[in-house]
Every structure is written in structure tokens, then in C-alpha cells.
């Protein structure tokens, strides 16, 4: 006899898990978050590489992000990127240090 977790639950009298819809009050927040994301993408999507780099340099200066923090952030992000994206990210980090 083949065993499965769902079969074991039924044997033990555990009711099946029911899918629930998102809470009504979270839907407006999600919509607002999505709208904010769209606006951010639209804002930065119109900028050149030089403008984006200047903006990034300004933001890192305002936040006081030093080389150690940039390296730590790059290490966290790197696994989510392709090899080409990682190489570009490390090039940008190196330029930000200058």
C-alpha cells in the first residue's frame, strides 16, 4: 500500500487544509504597493546608465553606506543573479568605492 501525507491525515482525522483568500484589508495595501512599484520602475526606466549610476552614488552617500556594507549586500544578492549580472554588480560596487 502506497502511503502519502494526505492519506495519513485522513486516517488520523485531520481535516484537509483549506485555501483562504487574502484578507480584505490587505488587498488595498497590495494594490498600493504594486502602484508604487510601477511608478518607481517608470521613473528609473527613463534614465540613462550614467543617470542611474549618479542616483545610486547619491543614495549610497546619503545613507552612509560604506564599502563593507556594499560588499555584504553584494554577497547577499549575488546568488540570485546570473554570472553576467554578478559581474556587472561587482563592477558597479567597485565604481561606487571610488
PDB file of N, CA and C in Angstrom:
ATOM      1  N   UNK A   1       0.834  -1.183   0.000  1.00  0.00           N
ATOM      2  CA  UNK A   1       0.000   0.000   0.000  1.00  0.00           C
ATOM      3  C   UNK A   1       0.878   1.245   0.000  1.00  0.00           C
ATOM      4  N   UNK A   2       0.626   2.144  -0.892  1.00  0.00           N
ATOM      5  CA  UNK A   2       1.394   3.373  -1.004  1.00  0.00           C
ATOM      6  C   UNK A   2       0.897   4.371   0.038  1.00  0.00           C
ATOM      7  N   UNK A   3       1.838   5.007   0.742  1.00  0.00           N
ATOM      8  CA  UNK A   3       1.483   5.978   1.771  1.00  0.00           C
ATOM      9  C   UNK A   3       1.742   7.394   1.268  1.00  0.00           C
ATOM     10  N   UNK A   4       0.911   8.315   1.736  1.00  0.00           N
ATOM     11  CA  UNK A   4       1.118   9.716   1.438  1.00  0.00           C
ATOM     12  C   UNK A   4       0.731  10.526   2.671  1.00  0.00           C
ATOM     13  N   UNK A   5       1.230  11.736   2.731  1.00  0.00           N
ATOM     14  CA  UNK A   5       0.905  12.580   3.882  1.00  0.00           C
ATOM     15  C   UNK A   5      -0.582  12.889   3.944  1.00  0.00           C
ATOM     16  N   UNK A   6      -1.199  13.132   2.806  1.00  0.00           N
ATOM     17  CA  UNK A   6      -2.633  13.431   2.816  1.00  0.00           C
ATOM     18  C   UNK A   6      -3.430  12.214   3.262  1.00  0.00           C
ATOM     19  N   UNK A   7      -2.992  11.034   2.857  1.00  0.00           N
ATOM     20  CA  UNK A   7      -3.657   9.819   3.299  1.00  0.00           C
ATOM     21  C   UNK A   7      -3.514   9.605   4.791  1.00  0.00           C
ATOM     22  N   UNK A   8      -2.352   9.927   5.337  1.00  0.00           N
ATOM     23  CA  UNK A   8      -2.121   9.785   6.768  1.00  0.00           C
ATOM     24  C   UNK A   8      -3.001  10.764   7.542  1.00  0.00           C
ATOM     25  N   UNK A   9      -3.174  11.967   7.020  1.00  0.00           N
ATOM     26  CA  UNK A   9      -4.024  12.959   7.684  1.00  0.00           C
ATOM     27  C   UNK A   9      -5.465  12.460   7.758  1.00  0.00           C
ATOM     28  N   UNK A  10      -5.945  11.897   6.659  1.00  0.00           N
ATOM     29  CA  UNK A  10      -7.329  11.399   6.643  1.00  0.00           C
ATOM     30  C   UNK A  10      -7.505  10.271   7.641  1.00  0.00           C
ATOM     31  N   UNK A  11      -6.503   9.409   7.748  1.00  0.00           N
ATOM     32  CA  UNK A  11      -6.590   8.306   8.688  1.00  0.00           C
ATOM     33  C   UNK A  11      -6.612   8.802  10.127  1.00  0.00           C
ATOM     34  N   UNK A  12      -5.899   9.894  10.398  1.00  0.00           N
ATOM     35  CA  UNK A  12      -5.816  10.427  11.750  1.00  0.00           C
ATOM     36  C   UNK A  12      -6.955  11.396  12.049  1.00  0.00           C
ATOM     37  N   UNK A  13      -7.832  11.639  11.114  1.00  0.00           N
ATOM     38  CA  UNK A  13      -8.964  12.514  11.343  1.00  0.00           C
ATOM     39  C   UNK A  13      -8.642  13.991  11.259  1.00  0.00           C
ATOM     40  N   UNK A  14      -7.534  14.345  10.635  1.00  0.00           N
ATOM     41  CA  UNK A  14      -7.167  15.749  10.482  1.00  0.00           C
ATOM     42  C   UNK A  14      -7.897  16.288   9.264  1.00  0.00           C
ATOM     43  N   UNK A  15      -8.659  17.382   9.441  1.00  0.00           N
ATOM     44  CA  UNK A  15      -9.376  17.916   8.279  1.00  0.00           C
ATOM     45  C   UNK A  15      -8.401  18.464   7.247  1.00  0.00           C
ATOM     46  N   UNK A  16      -8.743  18.373   5.962  1.00  0.00           N
ATOM     47  CA  UNK A  16      -7.842  18.906   4.936  1.00  0.00           C
ATOM     48  C   UNK A  16      -7.707  20.417   5.067  1.00  0.00           C
ATOM     49  N   UNK A  17      -6.541  20.916   4.712  1.00  0.00           N
ATOM     50  CA  UNK A  17      -6.262  22.345   4.789  1.00  0.00           C
ATOM     51  C   UNK A  17      -7.061  23.058   3.719  1.00  0.00           C
ATOM     52  N   UNK A  18      -7.694  24.151   4.100  1.00  0.00           N
ATOM     53  CA  UNK A  18      -8.476  24.898   3.137  1.00  0.00           C
ATOM     54  C   UNK A  18      -7.732  26.151   2.746  1.00  0.00           C
ATOM     55  N   UNK A  19      -7.757  26.444   1.458  1.00  0.00           N
ATOM     56  CA  UNK A  19      -7.129  27.653   0.952  1.00  0.00           C
ATOM     57  C   UNK A  19      -8.012  28.839   1.329  1.00  0.00           C
ATOM     58  N   UNK A  20      -7.383  29.906   1.770  1.00  0.00           N
ATOM     59  CA  UNK A  20      -8.145  31.100   2.120  1.00  0.00           C
ATOM     60  C   UNK A  20      -7.735  32.237   1.208  1.00  0.00           C
ATOM     61  N   UNK A  21      -8.671  33.087   0.904  1.00  0.00           N
ATOM     62  CA  UNK A  21      -8.383  34.275   0.095  1.00  0.00           C
ATOM     63  C   UNK A  21      -7.651  35.279   0.962  1.00  0.00           C
ATOM     64  N   UNK A  22      -6.967  36.212   0.339  1.00  0.00           N
ATOM     65  CA  UNK A  22      -6.264  37.263   1.078  1.00  0.00           C
ATOM     66  C   UNK A  22      -7.271  38.040   1.913  1.00  0.00           C
ATOM     67  N   UNK A  23      -6.852  38.448   3.078  1.00  0.00           N
ATOM     68  CA  UNK A  23      -7.713  39.236   3.941  1.00  0.00           C
ATOM     69  C   UNK A  23      -8.141  40.496   3.206  1.00  0.00           C
ATOM     70  N   UNK A  24      -9.385  40.902   3.353  1.00  0.00           N
ATOM     71  CA  UNK A  24      -9.864  42.078   2.611  1.00  0.00           C
ATOM     72  C   UNK A  24      -9.054  43.336   2.865  1.00  0.00           C
ATOM     73  N   UNK A  25      -8.569  43.530   4.087  1.00  0.00           N
ATOM     74  CA  UNK A  25      -7.835  44.758   4.368  1.00  0.00           C
ATOM     75  C   UNK A  25      -6.422  44.749   3.789  1.00  0.00           C
ATOM     76  N   UNK A  26      -5.894  43.602   3.387  1.00  0.00           N
ATOM     77  CA  UNK A  26      -4.557  43.574   2.793  1.00  0.00           C
ATOM     78  C   UNK A  26      -4.597  43.875   1.294  1.00  0.00           C
ATOM     79  N   UNK A  27      -5.746  43.687   0.669  1.00  0.00           N
ATOM     80  CA  UNK A  27      -5.847  43.922  -0.779  1.00  0.00           C
ATOM     81  C   UNK A  27      -5.517  45.370  -1.151  1.00  0.00           C
ATOM     82  N   UNK A  28      -6.074  46.389  -0.463  1.00  0.00           N
ATOM     83  CA  UNK A  28      -5.699  47.766  -0.827  1.00  0.00           C
ATOM     84  C   UNK A  28      -4.210  48.046  -0.639  1.00  0.00           C
ATOM     85  N   UNK A  29      -3.601  47.480   0.401  1.00  0.00           N
ATOM     86  CA  UNK A  29      -2.163  47.684   0.626  1.00  0.00           C
ATOM     87  C   UNK A  29      -1.368  47.059  -0.508  1.00  0.00           C
ATOM     88  N   UNK A  30      -1.748  45.870  -0.936  1.00  0.00           N
ATOM     89  CA  UNK A  30      -1.053  45.219  -2.043  1.00  0.00           C
ATOM     90  C   UNK A  30      -1.184  46.040  -3.319  1.00  0.00           C
ATOM     91  N   UNK A  31      -2.368  46.578  -3.562  1.00  0.00           N
ATOM     92  CA  UNK A  31      -2.569  47.406  -4.747  1.00  0.00           C
ATOM     93  C   UNK A  31      -1.717  48.666  -4.679  1.00  0.00           C
ATOM     94  N   UNK A  32      -1.640  49.274  -3.494  1.00  0.00           N
ATOM     95  CA  UNK A  32      -0.819  50.479  -3.318  1.00  0.00           C
ATOM     96  C   UNK A  32       0.653  50.152  -3.522  1.00  0.00           C
ATOM     97  N   UNK A  33       1.097  49.001  -3.002  1.00  0.00           N
ATOM     98  CA  UNK A  33       2.484  48.584  -3.183  1.00  0.00           C
ATOM     99  C   UNK A  33       2.801  48.352  -4.661  1.00  0.00           C
ATOM    100  N   UNK A  34       1.875  47.721  -5.357  1.00  0.00           N
ATOM    101  CA  UNK A  34       2.074  47.469  -6.783  1.00  0.00           C
ATOM    102  C   UNK A  34       2.122  48.775  -7.571  1.00  0.00           C
ATOM    103  N   UNK A  35       1.268  49.718  -7.213  1.00  0.00           N
ATOM    104  CA  UNK A  35       1.266  51.009  -7.890  1.00  0.00           C
ATOM    105  C   UNK A  35       2.573  51.745  -7.634  1.00  0.00           C
ATOM    106  N   UNK A  36       3.062  51.710  -6.389  1.00  0.00           N
ATOM    107  CA  UNK A  36       4.328  52.363  -6.055  1.00  0.00           C
ATOM    108  C   UNK A  36       5.475  51.724  -6.840  1.00  0.00           C
ATOM    109  N   UNK A  37       5.448  50.411  -6.977  1.00  0.00           N
ATOM    110  CA  UNK A  37       6.476  49.713  -7.746  1.00  0.00           C
ATOM    111  C   UNK A  37       6.431  50.125  -9.213  1.00  0.00           C
ATOM    112  N   UNK A  38       5.226  50.194  -9.781  1.00  0.00           N
ATOM    113  CA  UNK A  38       5.087  50.629 -11.178  1.00  0.00           C
ATOM    114  C   UNK A  38       5.654  52.034 -11.376  1.00  0.00           C
ATOM    115  N   UNK A  39       5.349  52.934 -10.444  1.00  0.00           N
ATOM    116  CA  UNK A  39       5.838  54.307 -10.546  1.00  0.00           C
ATOM    117  C   UNK A  39       7.357  54.368 -10.436  1.00  0.00           C
ATOM    118  N   UNK A  40       7.931  53.561  -9.566  1.00  0.00           N
ATOM    119  CA  UNK A  40       9.386  53.527  -9.407  1.00  0.00           C
ATOM    120  C   UNK A  40      10.049  53.003 -10.675  1.00  0.00           C
ATOM    121  N   UNK A  41       9.501  51.931 -11.230  1.00  0.00           N
ATOM    122  CA  UNK A  41      10.052  51.364 -12.463  1.00  0.00           C
ATOM    123  C   UNK A  41       9.950  52.379 -13.592  1.00  0.00           C
ATOM    124  N   UNK A  42       8.824  53.058 -13.683  1.00  0.00           N
ATOM    125  CA  UNK A  42       8.650  54.066 -14.731  1.00  0.00           C
ATOM    126  C   UNK A  42       9.644  55.216 -14.554  1.00  0.00           C
ATOM    127  N   UNK A  43       9.827  55.659 -13.310  1.00  0.00           N
ATOM    128  CA  UNK A  43      10.744  56.769 -13.026  1.00  0.00           C
ATOM    129  C   UNK A  43      12.181  56.415 -13.418  1.00  0.00           C
ATOM    130  N   UNK A  44      12.667  55.264 -12.964  1.00  0.00           N
ATOM    131  CA  UNK A  44      14.049  54.891 -13.241  1.00  0.00           C
ATOM    132  C   UNK A  44      14.236  54.311 -14.628  1.00  0.00           C
ATOM    133  N   UNK A  45      13.174  53.798 -15.235  1.00  0.00           N
ATOM    134  CA  UNK A  45      13.257  53.217 -16.572  1.00  0.00           C
ATOM    135  C   UNK A  45      13.584  54.236 -17.646  1.00  0.00           C
ATOM    136  N   UNK A  46      13.325  55.486 -17.358  1.00  0.00           N
ATOM    137  CA  UNK A  46      13.574  56.546 -18.334  1.00  0.00           C
ATOM    138  C   UNK A  46      14.990  57.118 -18.230  1.00  0.00           C
ATOM    139  N   UNK A  47      15.760  56.678 -17.253  1.00  0.00           N
ATOM    140  CA  UNK A  47      17.092  57.250 -17.022  1.00  0.00           C
ATOM    141  C   UNK A  47      18.166  56.474 -17.785  1.00  0.00           C
ATOM    142  N   UNK A  48      19.227  57.174 -18.119  1.00  0.00           N
ATOM    143  CA  UNK A  48      20.372  56.536 -18.775  1.00  0.00           C
ATOM    144  C   UNK A  48      21.206  55.814 -17.715  1.00  0.00           C
ATOM    145  N   UNK A  49      22.178  55.013 -18.175  1.00  0.00           N
ATOM    146  CA  UNK A  49      23.068  54.326 -17.231  1.00  0.00           C
ATOM    147  C   UNK A  49      23.827  55.327 -16.365  1.00  0.00           C
ATOM    148  N   UNK A  50      24.275  56.420 -16.975  1.00  0.00           N
ATOM    149  CA  UNK A  50      25.016  57.439 -16.221  1.00  0.00           C
ATOM    150  C   UNK A  50      24.124  58.078 -15.158  1.00  0.00           C
ATOM    151  N   UNK A  51      22.885  58.370 -15.518  1.00  0.00           N
ATOM    152  CA  UNK A  51      21.957  58.958 -14.551  1.00  0.00           C
ATOM    153  C   UNK A  51      21.644  57.988 -13.415  1.00  0.00           C
ATOM    154  N   UNK A  52      21.476  56.718 -13.762  1.00  0.00           N
ATOM    155  CA  UNK A  52      21.222  55.707 -12.736  1.00  0.00           C
ATOM    156  C   UNK A  52      22.408  55.582 -11.781  1.00  0.00           C
ATOM    157  N   UNK A  53      23.615  55.601 -12.358  1.00  0.00           N
ATOM    158  CA  UNK A  53      24.801  55.491 -11.516  1.00  0.00           C
ATOM    159  C   UNK A  53      24.918  56.705 -10.595  1.00  0.00           C
ATOM    160  N   UNK A  54      24.663  57.906 -11.114  1.00  0.00           N
ATOM    161  CA  UNK A  54      24.712  59.110 -10.283  1.00  0.00           C
ATOM    162  C   UNK A  54      23.695  59.039  -9.144  1.00  0.00           C
ATOM    163  N   UNK A  55      22.509  58.532  -9.458  1.00  0.00           N
ATOM    164  CA  UNK A  55      21.458  58.386  -8.437  1.00  0.00           C
ATOM    165  C   UNK A  55      21.891  57.376  -7.371  1.00  0.00           C
ATOM    166  N   UNK A  56      22.471  56.280  -7.800  1.00  0.00           N
ATOM    167  CA  UNK A  56      22.939  55.262  -6.858  1.00  0.00           C
ATOM    168  C   UNK A  56      24.049  55.813  -5.975  1.00  0.00           C
ATOM    169  N   UNK A  57      24.953  56.558  -6.573  1.00  0.00           N
ATOM    170  CA  UNK A  57      26.045  57.164  -5.808  1.00  0.00           C
ATOM    171  C   UNK A  57      25.500  58.157  -4.780  1.00  0.00           C
ATOM    172  N   UNK A  58      24.492  58.931  -5.174  1.00  0.00           N
ATOM    173  CA  UNK A  58      23.870  59.890  -4.258  1.00  0.00           C
ATOM    174  C   UNK A  58      23.197  59.159  -3.089  1.00  0.00           C
ATOM    175  N   UNK A  59      22.467  58.104  -3.396  1.00  0.00           N
ATOM    176  CA  UNK A  59      21.753  57.356  -2.358  1.00  0.00           C
ATOM    177  C   UNK A  59      22.725  56.700  -1.388  1.00  0.00           C
ATOM    178  N   UNK A  60      23.789  56.100  -1.906  1.00  0.00           N
ATOM    179  CA  UNK A  60      24.750  55.457  -1.001  1.00  0.00           C
ATOM    180  C   UNK A  60      25.450  56.493  -0.135  1.00  0.00           C
ATOM    181  N   UNK A  61      25.672  57.686  -0.662  1.00  0.00           N
ATOM    182  CA  UNK A  61      26.269  58.751   0.137  1.00  0.00           C
ATOM    183  C   UNK A  61      25.327  59.240   1.217  1.00  0.00           C
ATOM    184  N   UNK A  62      24.052  59.391   0.887  1.00  0.00           N
ATOM    185  CA  UNK A  62      23.066  59.865   1.855  1.00  0.00           C
ATOM    186  C   UNK A  62      22.845  58.870   2.980  1.00  0.00           C
ATOM    187  N   UNK A  63      22.904  57.590   2.656  1.00  0.00           N
ATOM    188  CA  UNK A  63      22.641  56.568   3.673  1.00  0.00           C
ATOM    189  C   UNK A  63      23.891  56.227   4.478  1.00  0.00           C
ATOM    190  N   UNK A  64      25.041  56.722   4.038  1.00  0.00           N
ATOM    191  CA  UNK A  64      26.277  56.418   4.754  1.00  0.00           C
ATOM    192  C   UNK A  64      26.758  54.991   4.535  1.00  0.00           C
ATOM    193  N   UNK A  65      26.352  54.392   3.432  1.00  0.00           N
ATOM    194  CA  UNK A  65      26.759  53.018   3.142  1.00  0.00           C
ATOM    195  C   UNK A  65      28.240  52.995   2.777  1.00  0.00           C
ATOM    196  N   UNK A  66      29.014  52.285   3.549  1.00  0.00           N
ATOM    197  CA  UNK A  66      30.448  52.201   3.283  1.00  0.00           C
ATOM    198  C   UNK A  66      30.759  50.931   2.485  1.00  0.00           C
ATOM    199  N   UNK A  67      32.029  50.754   2.171  1.00  0.00           N
ATOM    200  CA  UNK A  67      32.461  49.617   1.338  1.00  0.00           C
ATOM    201  C   UNK A  67      32.099  48.277   1.979  1.00  0.00           C
ATOM    202  N   UNK A  68      32.209  48.206   3.290  1.00  0.00           N
ATOM    203  CA  UNK A  68      31.899  46.948   3.985  1.00  0.00           C
ATOM    204  C   UNK A  68      30.427  46.584   3.808  1.00  0.00           C
ATOM    205  N   UNK A  69      29.552  47.582   3.934  1.00  0.00           N
ATOM    206  CA  UNK A  69      28.121  47.331   3.758  1.00  0.00           C
ATOM    207  C   UNK A  69      27.787  46.978   2.309  1.00  0.00           C
ATOM    208  N   UNK A  70      28.439  47.650   1.368  1.00  0.00           N
ATOM    209  CA  UNK A  70      28.212  47.333  -0.047  1.00  0.00           C
ATOM    210  C   UNK A  70      28.627  45.901  -0.351  1.00  0.00           C
ATOM    211  N   UNK A  71      29.767  45.484   0.198  1.00  0.00           N
ATOM    212  CA  UNK A  71      30.234  44.109  -0.025  1.00  0.00           C
ATOM    213  C   UNK A  71      29.255  43.099   0.568  1.00  0.00           C
ATOM    214  N   UNK A  72      28.765  43.378   1.765  1.00  0.00           N
ATOM    215  CA  UNK A  72      27.815  42.473   2.419  1.00  0.00           C
ATOM    216  C   UNK A  72      26.529  42.364   1.609  1.00  0.00           C
ATOM    217  N   UNK A  73      26.042  43.487   1.132  1.00  0.00           N
ATOM    218  CA  UNK A  73      24.825  43.487   0.319  1.00  0.00           C
ATOM    219  C   UNK A  73      25.054  42.731  -0.988  1.00  0.00           C
ATOM    220  N   UNK A  74      26.189  42.964  -1.622  1.00  0.00           N
ATOM    221  CA  UNK A  74      26.509  42.271  -2.871  1.00  0.00           C
ATOM    222  C   UNK A  74      26.575  40.760  -2.657  1.00  0.00           C
ATOM    223  N   UNK A  75      27.135  40.334  -1.534  1.00  0.00           N
ATOM    224  CA  UNK A  75      27.216  38.902  -1.230  1.00  0.00           C
ATOM    225  C   UNK A  75      25.833  38.287  -1.034  1.00  0.00           C
ATOM    226  N   UNK A  76      24.907  39.051  -0.467  1.00  0.00           N
ATOM    227  CA  UNK A  76      23.549  38.548  -0.269  1.00  0.00           C
ATOM    228  C   UNK A  76      22.782  38.472  -1.584  1.00  0.00           C
ATOM    229  N   UNK A  77      23.014  39.425  -2.464  1.00  0.00           N
ATOM    230  CA  UNK A  77      22.277  39.485  -3.726  1.00  0.00           C
ATOM    231  C   UNK A  77      22.853  38.541  -4.769  1.00  0.00           C
ATOM    232  N   UNK A  78      24.150  38.321  -4.748  1.00  0.00           N
ATOM    233  CA  UNK A  78      24.839  37.554  -5.799  1.00  0.00           C
ATOM    234  C   UNK A  78      24.197  36.210  -6.137  1.00  0.00           C
ATOM    235  N   UNK A  79      23.780  35.403  -5.173  1.00  0.00           N
ATOM    236  CA  UNK A  79      23.201  34.097  -5.538  1.00  0.00           C
ATOM    237  C   UNK A  79      21.927  34.193  -6.378  1.00  0.00           C
ATOM    238  N   UNK A  80      21.269  35.317  -6.362  1.00  0.00           N
ATOM    239  CA  UNK A  80      20.028  35.490  -7.111  1.00  0.00           C
ATOM    240  C   UNK A  80      20.275  35.956  -8.548  1.00  0.00           C
ATOM    241  N   UNK A  81      21.527  36.230  -8.889  1.00  0.00           N
ATOM    242  CA  UNK A  81      21.865  36.792 -10.188  1.00  0.00           C
ATOM    243  C   UNK A  81      22.600  35.791 -11.069  1.00  0.00           C
ATOM    244  N   UNK A  82      22.528  36.030 -12.366  1.00  0.00           N
ATOM    245  CA  UNK A  82      23.318  35.222 -13.302  1.00  0.00           C
ATOM    246  C   UNK A  82      24.776  35.661 -13.185  1.00  0.00           C
ATOM    247  N   UNK A  83      25.662  34.919 -13.812  1.00  0.00           N
ATOM    248  CA  UNK A  83      27.088  35.264 -13.778  1.00  0.00           C
ATOM    249  C   UNK A  83      27.333  36.652 -14.368  1.00  0.00           C
ATOM    250  N   UNK A  84      26.655  36.955 -15.460  1.00  0.00           N
ATOM    251  CA  UNK A  84      26.825  38.259 -16.100  1.00  0.00           C
ATOM    252  C   UNK A  84      26.324  39.383 -15.188  1.00  0.00           C
ATOM    253  N   UNK A  85      25.184  39.149 -14.542  1.00  0.00           N
ATOM    254  CA  UNK A  85      24.636  40.151 -13.629  1.00  0.00           C
ATOM    255  C   UNK A  85      25.551  40.346 -12.417  1.00  0.00           C
ATOM    256  N   UNK A  86      26.112  39.250 -11.919  1.00  0.00           N
ATOM    257  CA  UNK A  86      27.047  39.351 -10.789  1.00  0.00           C
ATOM    258  C   UNK A  86      28.256  40.181 -11.179  1.00  0.00           C
ATOM    259  N   UNK A  87      28.795  39.918 -12.357  1.00  0.00           N
ATOM    260  CA  UNK A  87      29.970  40.659 -12.820  1.00  0.00           C
ATOM    261  C   UNK A  87      29.654  42.150 -12.905  1.00  0.00           C
ATOM    262  N   UNK A  88      28.502  42.488 -13.462  1.00  0.00           N
ATOM    263  CA  UNK A  88      28.098  43.899 -13.585  1.00  0.00           C
ATOM    264  C   UNK A  88      27.901  44.516 -12.199  1.00  0.00           C
ATOM    265  N   UNK A  89      27.288  43.769 -11.289  1.00  0.00           N
ATOM    266  CA  UNK A  89      27.070  44.283  -9.936  1.00  0.00           C
ATOM    267  C   UNK A  89      28.405  44.587  -9.258  1.00  0.00           C
ATOM    268  N   UNK A  90      29.363  43.687  -9.372  1.00  0.00           N
ATOM    269  CA  UNK A  90      30.669  43.918  -8.743  1.00  0.00           C
ATOM    270  C   UNK A  90      31.403  45.093  -9.398  1.00  0.00           C
ATOM    271  N   UNK A  91      31.203  45.301 -10.705  1.00  0.00           N
ATOM    272  CA  UNK A  91      31.789  46.467 -11.367  1.00  0.00           C
ATOM    273  C   UNK A  91      31.189  47.761 -10.795  1.00  0.00           C
ATOM    274  N   UNK A  92      29.884  47.759 -10.598  1.00  0.00           N
ATOM    275  CA  UNK A  92      29.214  48.942 -10.041  1.00  0.00           C
ATOM    276  C   UNK A  92      29.689  49.192  -8.614  1.00  0.00           C
ATOM    277  N   UNK A  93      29.787  48.139  -7.814  1.00  0.00           N
ATOM    278  CA  UNK A  93      30.266  48.287  -6.428  1.00  0.00           C
ATOM    279  C   UNK A  93      31.674  48.874  -6.430  1.00  0.00           C
ATOM    280  N   UNK A  94      32.508  48.398  -7.325  1.00  0.00           N
ATOM    281  CA  UNK A  94      33.882  48.908  -7.405  1.00  0.00           C
ATOM    282  C   UNK A  94      33.889  50.390  -7.783  1.00  0.00           C
ATOM    283  N   UNK A  95      33.052  50.798  -8.722  1.00  0.00           N
ATOM    284  CA  UNK A  95      32.967  52.209  -9.105  1.00  0.00           C
ATOM    285  C   UNK A  95      32.443  53.070  -7.942  1.00  0.00           C
ATOM    286  N   UNK A  96      31.513  52.526  -7.174  1.00  0.00           N
ATOM    287  CA  UNK A  96      30.957  53.273  -6.048  1.00  0.00           C
ATOM    288  C   UNK A  96      32.006  53.534  -4.964  1.00  0.00           C
ATOM    289  N   UNK A  97      32.985  52.660  -4.878  1.00  0.00           N
ATOM    290  CA  UNK A  97      34.053  52.834  -3.870  1.00  0.00           C
ATOM    291  C   UNK A  97      34.973  54.010  -4.197  1.00  0.00           C
ATOM    292  N   UNK A  98      35.039  54.396  -5.445  1.00  0.00           N
ATOM    293  CA  UNK A  98      35.977  55.438  -5.884  1.00  0.00           C
ATOM    294  C   UNK A  98      35.465  56.808  -5.537  1.00  0.00           C
TER     295      UNK A  98
END
